[in-house]
Amino acid sequence: MESSFGSDFGSDFGSGAGGGGKLDPGLIMEQVKVQIAVANAQELLQRMTDKCFRKCIGQSGGALDNSEQKCIAMCMDRYMDSWNTVSRAYNSRLQRERANM
């Protein structure tokens, strides 16, 4: 996933500016936002995978048993729910602080 997105990003970064080699600041800012969102999603997935694997998998083997599969599914659901709750609270606080400026 990362390699195909990264190559697309690199090839499109300076294009689309309307010719003449000028960079469109709006386009650049949008691409930076996309890159940040992708990096955040990758980090979230990596942390969730690490934590749930450590919690649910006793010994690594050839296959997961039913209890390990259920544990991982529940752990990942709880992790995502928690992350969404924290994210909403953080965004709400940022909006309140910006409104008070």
C-alpha atoms as a PDB file:
ATOM      1  CA  MET A   1       0.000   0.000   0.000  1.00  0.00           C
ATOM      2  CA  GLU A   2       2.658   2.488   0.988  1.00  0.00           C
ATOM      3  CA  SER A   3       4.870   1.966  -2.036  1.00  0.00           C
ATOM      4  CA  SER A   4       2.126   2.496  -4.610  1.00  0.00           C
ATOM      5  CA  PHE A   5       0.759   5.565  -2.806  1.00  0.00           C
ATOM      6  CA  GLY A   6       4.221   6.957  -2.257  1.00  0.00           C
ATOM      7  CA  SER A   7       5.129   6.634  -5.928  1.00  0.00           C
ATOM      8  CA  ASP A   8       1.865   8.297  -6.963  1.00  0.00           C
ATOM      9  CA  PHE A   9       2.497  11.120  -4.546  1.00  0.00           C
ATOM     10  CA  GLY A  10       6.017  11.726  -5.815  1.00  0.00           C
ATOM     11  CA  SER A  11       5.013  11.763  -9.471  1.00  0.00           C
ATOM     12  CA  ASP A  12       2.001  14.052  -8.933  1.00  0.00           C
ATOM     13  CA  PHE A  13       3.573  16.453  -6.454  1.00  0.00           C
ATOM     14  CA  GLY A  14       4.710  19.082  -8.935  1.00  0.00           C
ATOM     15  CA  SER A  15       2.231  18.356 -11.705  1.00  0.00           C
ATOM     16  CA  GLY A  16      -1.226  19.774 -12.041  1.00  0.00           C
ATOM     17  CA  ALA A  17      -0.009  23.310 -11.427  1.00  0.00           C
ATOM     18  CA  GLY A  18      -1.259  24.469 -14.787  1.00  0.00           C
ATOM     19  CA  GLY A  19       1.983  24.402 -16.763  1.00  0.00           C
ATOM     20  CA  GLY A  20       5.025  26.593 -16.576  1.00  0.00           C
ATOM     21  CA  GLY A  21       6.434  24.587 -13.667  1.00  0.00           C
ATOM     22  CA  LYS A  22       4.683  26.697 -11.018  1.00  0.00           C
ATOM     23  CA  LEU A  23       3.550  24.854  -7.913  1.00  0.00           C
ATOM     24  CA  ASP A  24       0.016  25.327  -6.682  1.00  0.00           C
ATOM     25  CA  PRO A  25       0.184  25.931  -2.896  1.00  0.00           C
ATOM     26  CA  GLY A  26      -3.368  24.621  -2.455  1.00  0.00           C
ATOM     27  CA  LEU A  27      -2.517  21.384  -4.238  1.00  0.00           C
ATOM     28  CA  ILE A  28       0.672  20.965  -2.235  1.00  0.00           C
ATOM     29  CA  MET A  29      -1.189  21.581   1.037  1.00  0.00           C
ATOM     30  CA  GLU A  30      -3.869  19.048   0.077  1.00  0.00           C
ATOM     31  CA  GLN A  31      -1.226  16.425  -0.776  1.00  0.00           C
ATOM     32  CA  VAL A  32       0.574  17.062   2.525  1.00  0.00           C
ATOM     33  CA  LYS A  33      -2.723  16.599   4.394  1.00  0.00           C
ATOM     34  CA  VAL A  34      -3.291  13.303   2.576  1.00  0.00           C
ATOM     35  CA  GLN A  35       0.231  12.133   3.440  1.00  0.00           C
ATOM     36  CA  ILE A  36      -0.309  13.014   7.113  1.00  0.00           C
ATOM     37  CA  ALA A  37      -3.647  11.171   7.155  1.00  0.00           C
ATOM     38  CA  VAL A  38      -2.044   8.077   5.578  1.00  0.00           C
ATOM     39  CA  ALA A  39       0.838   8.162   8.077  1.00  0.00           C
ATOM     40  CA  ASN A  40      -1.595   8.498  10.991  1.00  0.00           C
ATOM     41  CA  ALA A  41      -3.705   5.587   9.724  1.00  0.00           C
ATOM     42  CA  GLN A  42      -0.603   3.419   9.304  1.00  0.00           C
ATOM     43  CA  GLU A  43       0.580   4.264  12.817  1.00  0.00           C
ATOM     44  CA  LEU A  44      -2.865   3.506  14.281  1.00  0.00           C
ATOM     45  CA  LEU A  45      -2.971   0.148  12.507  1.00  0.00           C
ATOM     46  CA  GLN A  46       0.572  -0.729  13.617  1.00  0.00           C
ATOM     47  CA  ARG A  47      -0.080   0.144  17.268  1.00  0.00           C
ATOM     48  CA  MET A  48      -3.388  -1.704  17.289  1.00  0.00           C
ATOM     49  CA  THR A  49      -1.804  -4.776  15.735  1.00  0.00           C
ATOM     50  CA  ASP A  50       1.116  -4.770  18.190  1.00  0.00           C
ATOM     51  CA  LYS A  51      -1.036  -4.310  21.287  1.00  0.00           C
ATOM     52  CA  CYS A  52      -3.682  -6.859  20.306  1.00  0.00           C
ATOM     53  CA  PHE A  53      -1.096  -9.426  19.222  1.00  0.00           C
ATOM     54  CA  ARG A  54       0.730  -9.130  22.557  1.00  0.00           C
ATOM     55  CA  LYS A  55      -2.555  -9.367  24.471  1.00  0.00           C
ATOM     56  CA  CYS A  56      -4.180 -12.215  22.553  1.00  0.00           C
ATOM     57  CA  ILE A  57      -1.521 -14.506  21.101  1.00  0.00           C
ATOM     58  CA  GLY A  58       0.185 -16.828  23.556  1.00  0.00           C
ATOM     59  CA  GLN A  59       2.684 -18.632  21.368  1.00  0.00           C
ATOM     60  CA  SER A  60       3.069 -17.990  17.695  1.00  0.00           C
ATOM     61  CA  GLY A  61       2.186 -21.028  15.692  1.00  0.00           C
ATOM     62  CA  GLY A  62       0.792 -21.972  12.337  1.00  0.00           C
ATOM     63  CA  ALA A  63      -2.781 -20.845  12.911  1.00  0.00           C
ATOM     64  CA  LEU A  64      -4.944 -18.936  15.369  1.00  0.00           C
ATOM     65  CA  ASP A  65      -7.407 -20.880  17.441  1.00  0.00           C
ATOM     66  CA  ASN A  66     -10.988 -19.661  17.941  1.00  0.00           C
ATOM     67  CA  SER A  67     -10.301 -17.941  21.261  1.00  0.00           C
ATOM     68  CA  GLU A  68      -7.334 -16.044  19.791  1.00  0.00           C
ATOM     69  CA  GLN A  69      -9.412 -14.950  16.788  1.00  0.00           C
ATOM     70  CA  LYS A  70     -12.211 -13.708  19.060  1.00  0.00           C
ATOM     71  CA  CYS A  71      -9.743 -11.938  21.332  1.00  0.00           C
ATOM     72  CA  ILE A  72      -8.094 -10.143  18.409  1.00  0.00           C
ATOM     73  CA  ALA A  73     -11.447  -9.100  16.927  1.00  0.00           C
ATOM     74  CA  MET A  74     -12.689  -7.744  20.262  1.00  0.00           C
ATOM     75  CA  CYS A  75      -9.365  -6.059  21.037  1.00  0.00           C
ATOM     76  CA  MET A  76      -9.290  -4.316  17.669  1.00  0.00           C
ATOM     77  CA  ASP A  77     -12.925  -3.201  18.050  1.00  0.00           C
ATOM     78  CA  ARG A  78     -12.235  -1.788  21.509  1.00  0.00           C
ATOM     79  CA  TYR A  79      -9.048  -0.101  20.343  1.00  0.00           C
ATOM     80  CA  MET A  80     -10.846   1.585  17.429  1.00  0.00           C
ATOM     81  CA  ASP A  81     -13.762   2.647  19.668  1.00  0.00           C
ATOM     82  CA  SER A  82     -11.333   4.131  22.171  1.00  0.00           C
ATOM     83  CA  TRP A  83      -9.337   5.882  19.482  1.00  0.00           C
ATOM     84  CA  ASN A  84     -12.505   7.375  17.967  1.00  0.00           C
ATOM     85  CA  THR A  85     -13.693   8.594  21.373  1.00  0.00           C
ATOM     86  CA  VAL A  86     -10.365  10.258  22.131  1.00  0.00           C
ATOM     87  CA  SER A  87     -10.191  11.736  18.625  1.00  0.00           C
ATOM     88  CA  ARG A  88     -13.680  13.252  18.891  1.00  0.00           C
ATOM     89  CA  ALA A  89     -12.910  14.708  22.319  1.00  0.00           C
ATOM     90  CA  TYR A  90      -9.620  16.157  21.077  1.00  0.00           C
ATOM     91  CA  ASN A  91     -11.229  17.728  18.001  1.00  0.00           C
ATOM     92  CA  SER A  92     -14.049  19.145  20.115  1.00  0.00           C
ATOM     93  CA  ARG A  93     -11.555  20.702  22.501  1.00  0.00           C
ATOM     94  CA  LEU A  94      -9.564  22.203  19.623  1.00  0.00           C
ATOM     95  CA  GLN A  95     -12.730  23.753  18.201  1.00  0.00           C
ATOM     96  CA  ARG A  96     -13.678  25.232  21.589  1.00  0.00           C
ATOM     97  CA  GLU A  97     -10.188  26.678  22.067  1.00  0.00           C
ATOM     98  CA  ARG A  98     -10.180  28.166  18.565  1.00  0.00           C
ATOM     99  CA  ALA A  99     -13.597  29.735  19.201  1.00  0.00           C
ATOM    100  CA  ASN A 100     -12.293  31.364  22.415  1.00  0.00           C
ATOM    101  CA  MET A 101      -9.303  32.987  20.696  1.00  0.00           C
END
